[in-house]
N, C-alpha and C. Protein backbone atom coordinates (compact mmCIF):
# COMPACT_ATOMS: atom_id res chain seq x y z
N UNK A 1 39.28 0.70 43.07
CA UNK A 1 38.17 -0.48 42.81
C UNK A 1 37.93 -0.64 41.25
N UNK A 2 38.16 -1.66 40.46
CA UNK A 2 37.84 -1.46 39.18
C UNK A 2 36.61 -2.63 38.91
N UNK A 3 35.65 -1.96 38.12
CA UNK A 3 34.47 -2.76 37.75
C UNK A 3 34.68 -3.35 36.49
N UNK A 4 34.37 -4.61 36.51
CA UNK A 4 34.51 -5.61 35.30
C UNK A 4 33.34 -5.29 34.27
N UNK A 5 32.45 -4.73 34.93
CA UNK A 5 31.10 -5.09 33.92
C UNK A 5 30.63 -3.39 33.74
N UNK A 6 31.49 -2.45 33.48
CA UNK A 6 31.02 -1.13 33.39
C UNK A 6 30.58 -0.94 31.78
N UNK A 7 29.52 -0.13 32.02
CA UNK A 7 28.70 0.23 30.68
C UNK A 7 28.73 1.60 30.37
N UNK A 8 28.67 1.83 29.13
CA UNK A 8 28.41 3.39 29.03
C UNK A 8 27.01 3.97 29.29
N UNK A 9 26.90 5.20 29.57
CA UNK A 9 25.48 5.68 29.98
C UNK A 9 24.54 5.52 28.84
N UNK A 10 25.02 5.65 27.47
CA UNK A 10 24.06 5.62 26.31
C UNK A 10 23.28 4.47 26.38
N UNK A 11 24.08 3.34 26.51
CA UNK A 11 23.48 2.11 26.53
C UNK A 11 22.27 1.65 27.64
N UNK A 12 22.91 2.23 28.86
CA UNK A 12 22.17 2.21 30.02
C UNK A 12 20.78 3.00 29.85
N UNK A 13 20.79 4.09 29.27
CA UNK A 13 19.48 4.93 28.99
C UNK A 13 18.66 4.18 27.98
N UNK A 14 19.35 3.62 26.91
CA UNK A 14 18.47 2.91 25.79
C UNK A 14 17.76 1.96 26.44
N UNK A 15 18.36 1.03 27.31
CA UNK A 15 18.02 -0.19 27.88
C UNK A 15 16.73 0.12 29.04
N UNK A 16 16.89 1.20 29.82
CA UNK A 16 15.91 1.79 30.55
C UNK A 16 14.83 2.38 29.82
N UNK A 17 14.95 2.95 28.65
CA UNK A 17 13.69 3.40 27.63
C UNK A 17 12.80 2.06 27.37
N UNK A 18 14.01 1.24 26.63
CA UNK A 18 13.20 -0.03 26.11
C UNK A 18 12.30 -0.76 27.33
N UNK A 19 12.79 -0.92 28.33
CA UNK A 19 12.25 -1.74 29.62
C UNK A 19 11.27 -0.76 29.98
N UNK A 20 10.91 0.43 30.03
CA UNK A 20 9.82 1.17 30.56
C UNK A 20 8.75 1.37 29.20
N UNK A 21 9.03 1.07 28.07
CA UNK A 21 8.22 1.22 27.00
C UNK A 21 8.25 2.53 26.29
N UNK A 22 9.29 3.19 26.59
CA UNK A 22 9.39 4.50 26.22
C UNK A 22 10.21 4.95 24.82
N UNK A 23 10.75 3.85 24.58
CA UNK A 23 11.68 3.87 23.22
C UNK A 23 11.00 4.45 21.89
N UNK A 24 9.82 3.59 21.70
CA UNK A 24 8.97 4.11 20.48
C UNK A 24 8.31 5.21 20.56
N UNK A 25 7.76 5.58 21.61
CA UNK A 25 7.05 7.02 21.67
C UNK A 25 8.19 8.32 21.59
N UNK A 26 9.40 7.82 22.07
CA UNK A 26 10.68 8.82 21.92
C UNK A 26 10.88 8.95 20.36
N UNK A 27 11.11 7.92 19.69
CA UNK A 27 11.48 7.86 18.41
C UNK A 27 10.39 8.45 17.42
N UNK A 28 9.26 8.16 17.81
CA UNK A 28 8.10 8.51 16.88
C UNK A 28 8.18 10.41 17.27
N UNK A 29 8.39 10.71 18.22
CA UNK A 29 8.54 12.21 18.56
C UNK A 29 9.87 12.83 17.70
N UNK A 30 10.95 12.07 18.00
CA UNK A 30 12.08 12.49 17.00
C UNK A 30 11.91 12.61 15.61
N UNK A 31 11.25 11.44 15.00
CA UNK A 31 10.73 11.65 13.61
C UNK A 31 10.03 12.82 13.26
N UNK A 32 9.02 13.22 14.12
CA UNK A 32 8.24 14.17 13.78
C UNK A 32 9.01 15.78 14.02
N UNK A 33 9.94 15.88 14.82
CA UNK A 33 10.56 16.94 15.08
C UNK A 33 11.77 17.06 14.14
N UNK A 34 12.19 15.84 13.48
CA UNK A 34 13.16 15.85 12.25
C UNK A 34 12.68 16.14 10.83
N UNK A 35 11.16 16.01 10.62
CA UNK A 35 10.62 16.54 9.32
C UNK A 35 11.28 17.66 8.83
N UNK A 36 11.18 18.85 9.25
CA UNK A 36 11.69 20.01 8.74
C UNK A 36 13.09 19.88 8.35
N UNK A 37 13.99 19.05 8.84
CA UNK A 37 15.46 19.02 8.56
C UNK A 37 15.52 17.99 7.38
N UNK A 38 14.91 17.00 7.41
CA UNK A 38 14.99 15.93 6.62
C UNK A 38 14.41 16.42 4.95
N UNK A 39 13.36 17.32 5.05
CA UNK A 39 12.49 17.53 3.90
C UNK A 39 13.06 18.96 3.30
N UNK A 40 13.79 19.87 4.59
CA UNK A 40 14.11 21.11 3.98
C UNK A 40 12.81 22.15 4.24
N UNK A 41 13.53 23.28 4.55
CA UNK A 41 12.61 24.34 4.83
C UNK A 41 11.43 24.71 3.96
N UNK A 42 11.77 24.57 2.64
CA UNK A 42 10.74 25.13 1.58
C UNK A 42 9.56 23.94 1.51
N UNK A 43 9.72 22.75 1.78
CA UNK A 43 8.74 21.81 1.70
C UNK A 43 8.17 22.15 3.31
N UNK A 44 8.86 22.13 4.16
CA UNK A 44 8.26 22.42 5.68
C UNK A 44 7.49 23.30 5.77
N UNK A 45 7.50 24.61 4.97
CA UNK A 45 6.40 25.56 4.98
C UNK A 45 5.15 25.15 4.52
N UNK A 46 5.09 24.38 4.00
CA UNK A 46 3.84 23.74 3.23
C UNK A 46 3.15 22.41 4.15
N UNK A 47 3.72 22.23 5.19
CA UNK A 47 3.43 21.22 6.09
C UNK A 47 2.46 21.67 7.05
N UNK A 48 1.33 21.10 7.35
CA UNK A 48 0.58 21.25 8.38
C UNK A 48 0.87 20.07 9.62
N UNK A 49 -0.27 19.55 9.92
CA UNK A 49 -0.22 18.60 11.03
C UNK A 49 0.50 17.23 10.50
N UNK A 50 1.31 16.67 11.56
CA UNK A 50 2.03 15.47 11.54
C UNK A 50 1.65 14.53 12.62
N UNK A 51 1.31 13.26 12.33
CA UNK A 51 1.41 12.31 13.57
C UNK A 51 1.57 10.88 13.07
N UNK A 52 1.81 10.00 14.03
CA UNK A 52 1.93 8.72 13.65
C UNK A 52 1.10 7.81 14.30
N UNK A 53 0.64 6.93 13.48
CA UNK A 53 -0.45 6.00 13.88
C UNK A 53 -0.07 4.72 13.23
N UNK A 54 -0.25 3.43 14.06
CA UNK A 54 0.21 2.16 13.44
C UNK A 54 1.39 2.03 12.48
N UNK A 55 2.69 2.87 13.10
CA UNK A 55 3.65 2.92 12.21
C UNK A 55 3.67 3.52 10.89
N UNK A 56 2.55 4.64 10.54
CA UNK A 56 2.42 5.32 9.53
C UNK A 56 2.61 6.86 9.77
N UNK A 57 3.32 7.33 9.25
CA UNK A 57 3.59 8.91 9.30
C UNK A 57 2.58 9.65 8.47
N UNK A 58 1.76 10.38 9.13
CA UNK A 58 0.85 11.10 8.26
C UNK A 58 1.11 12.49 8.28
N UNK A 59 1.19 13.26 7.01
CA UNK A 59 1.70 14.63 6.95
C UNK A 59 0.56 15.25 6.00
N UNK A 60 0.10 16.49 6.76
CA UNK A 60 -0.80 17.20 5.97
C UNK A 60 0.18 18.06 5.11
N UNK A 61 -0.30 18.26 3.72
CA UNK A 61 0.43 19.11 2.81
C UNK A 61 -0.68 19.93 2.43
N UNK A 62 -0.24 21.26 2.31
CA UNK A 62 -1.12 22.33 2.03
C UNK A 62 -1.27 22.71 0.50
N UNK A 63 -0.49 22.00 -0.22
CA UNK A 63 -0.29 22.35 -1.68
C UNK A 63 -0.64 20.86 -2.39
N UNK A 64 -1.51 20.82 -3.27
CA UNK A 64 -1.92 19.74 -3.87
C UNK A 64 -0.93 19.35 -4.94
N UNK A 65 -0.02 20.01 -5.53
CA UNK A 65 0.88 19.91 -6.42
C UNK A 65 2.21 19.34 -5.56
N UNK A 66 2.39 19.85 -4.60
CA UNK A 66 3.42 19.36 -3.73
C UNK A 66 3.25 18.02 -3.14
N UNK A 67 1.98 17.98 -2.88
CA UNK A 67 1.50 16.55 -2.15
C UNK A 67 1.62 15.47 -3.53
N UNK A 68 1.38 15.78 -4.56
CA UNK A 68 1.59 14.97 -5.40
C UNK A 68 3.06 14.46 -5.81
N UNK A 69 3.91 15.70 -5.78
CA UNK A 69 5.47 15.11 -6.13
C UNK A 69 5.95 14.62 -4.78
N UNK A 70 5.46 14.68 -3.67
CA UNK A 70 6.18 14.04 -2.50
C UNK A 70 5.49 12.73 -2.52
N UNK A 71 4.31 12.41 -2.94
CA UNK A 71 3.90 11.00 -3.26
C UNK A 71 4.92 10.09 -3.92
N UNK A 72 5.48 10.57 -4.82
CA UNK A 72 6.42 9.66 -5.58
C UNK A 72 7.55 9.51 -4.79
N UNK A 73 7.89 10.09 -3.68
CA UNK A 73 9.21 10.17 -2.92
C UNK A 73 9.02 9.62 -1.54
N UNK A 74 7.69 8.69 -1.28
CA UNK A 74 7.43 8.44 -0.05
C UNK A 74 8.31 7.25 0.57
N UNK A 75 8.79 6.47 -0.22
CA UNK A 75 9.80 5.26 0.15
C UNK A 75 11.14 5.84 0.59
N UNK A 76 11.63 7.00 -0.12
CA UNK A 76 12.91 7.78 0.06
C UNK A 76 12.93 8.30 1.44
N UNK A 77 11.62 9.02 1.60
CA UNK A 77 11.50 9.91 2.77
C UNK A 77 11.35 8.91 4.17
N UNK A 78 10.51 7.64 4.03
CA UNK A 78 10.52 6.85 4.99
C UNK A 78 11.94 6.20 5.45
N UNK A 79 13.06 5.97 4.52
CA UNK A 79 13.96 5.58 4.81
C UNK A 79 15.03 6.36 5.41
N UNK A 80 14.85 7.82 4.87
CA UNK A 80 15.72 8.99 5.53
C UNK A 80 15.24 9.02 6.92
N UNK A 81 13.85 9.27 7.06
CA UNK A 81 13.39 9.54 8.56
C UNK A 81 13.66 8.36 9.47
N UNK A 82 13.75 6.90 9.23
CA UNK A 82 14.11 6.09 10.08
C UNK A 82 15.59 6.03 10.27
N UNK A 83 16.46 6.34 9.16
CA UNK A 83 17.76 6.42 9.19
C UNK A 83 18.11 7.58 10.35
N UNK A 84 17.42 8.59 10.28
CA UNK A 84 17.79 9.94 11.26
C UNK A 84 17.57 9.36 12.48
N UNK A 85 16.65 8.40 12.82
CA UNK A 85 16.52 8.12 14.34
C UNK A 85 17.28 6.71 14.83
N UNK A 86 17.84 6.26 13.74
CA UNK A 86 18.64 4.88 13.90
C UNK A 86 17.57 3.85 14.42
N UNK A 87 16.52 3.89 13.81
CA UNK A 87 15.52 2.61 14.38
C UNK A 87 14.38 2.71 13.23
N UNK A 88 13.96 1.55 13.08
CA UNK A 88 12.69 1.33 12.03
C UNK A 88 11.46 1.68 12.84
N UNK A 89 10.92 3.01 12.53
CA UNK A 89 9.86 3.30 13.44
C UNK A 89 8.70 3.30 12.61
N UNK A 90 8.77 3.98 11.37
CA UNK A 90 7.60 4.07 10.61
C UNK A 90 7.93 3.26 9.33
N UNK A 91 6.75 2.62 8.75
CA UNK A 91 6.76 1.92 7.56
C UNK A 91 6.23 2.47 6.31
N UNK A 92 5.82 3.75 6.50
CA UNK A 92 5.16 4.31 5.25
C UNK A 92 4.93 5.74 5.76
N UNK A 93 4.81 6.64 4.50
CA UNK A 93 4.62 8.10 4.70
C UNK A 93 3.03 8.29 3.76
N UNK A 94 2.06 8.88 4.63
CA UNK A 94 1.04 9.19 3.77
C UNK A 94 0.91 10.60 3.80
N UNK A 95 0.32 11.29 2.69
CA UNK A 95 -0.11 12.68 2.86
C UNK A 95 -1.49 12.98 2.62
N UNK A 96 -1.98 13.82 3.35
CA UNK A 96 -3.31 14.33 3.21
C UNK A 96 -3.45 15.81 3.05
């Protein structure tokens, strides 16, 4: 028996997640989990809380000097994190 409309499992899972409204929360979770890999362990050690609200990633940085340096790289970090999950999840990164 040959099926003409066979689809791969990845597209079926993505379609299901989208239909159930779970795609965005999953991508937000993946971005938060990707933070140490994207910025590296040195910066990750000075990172506190991370959360996403209204498409903005808020990151607590424990060093004022590092916070100032990272502020100059917010656009690059936003692009790298979105590219990591292959979706436009966040529009901006803010440090506190």
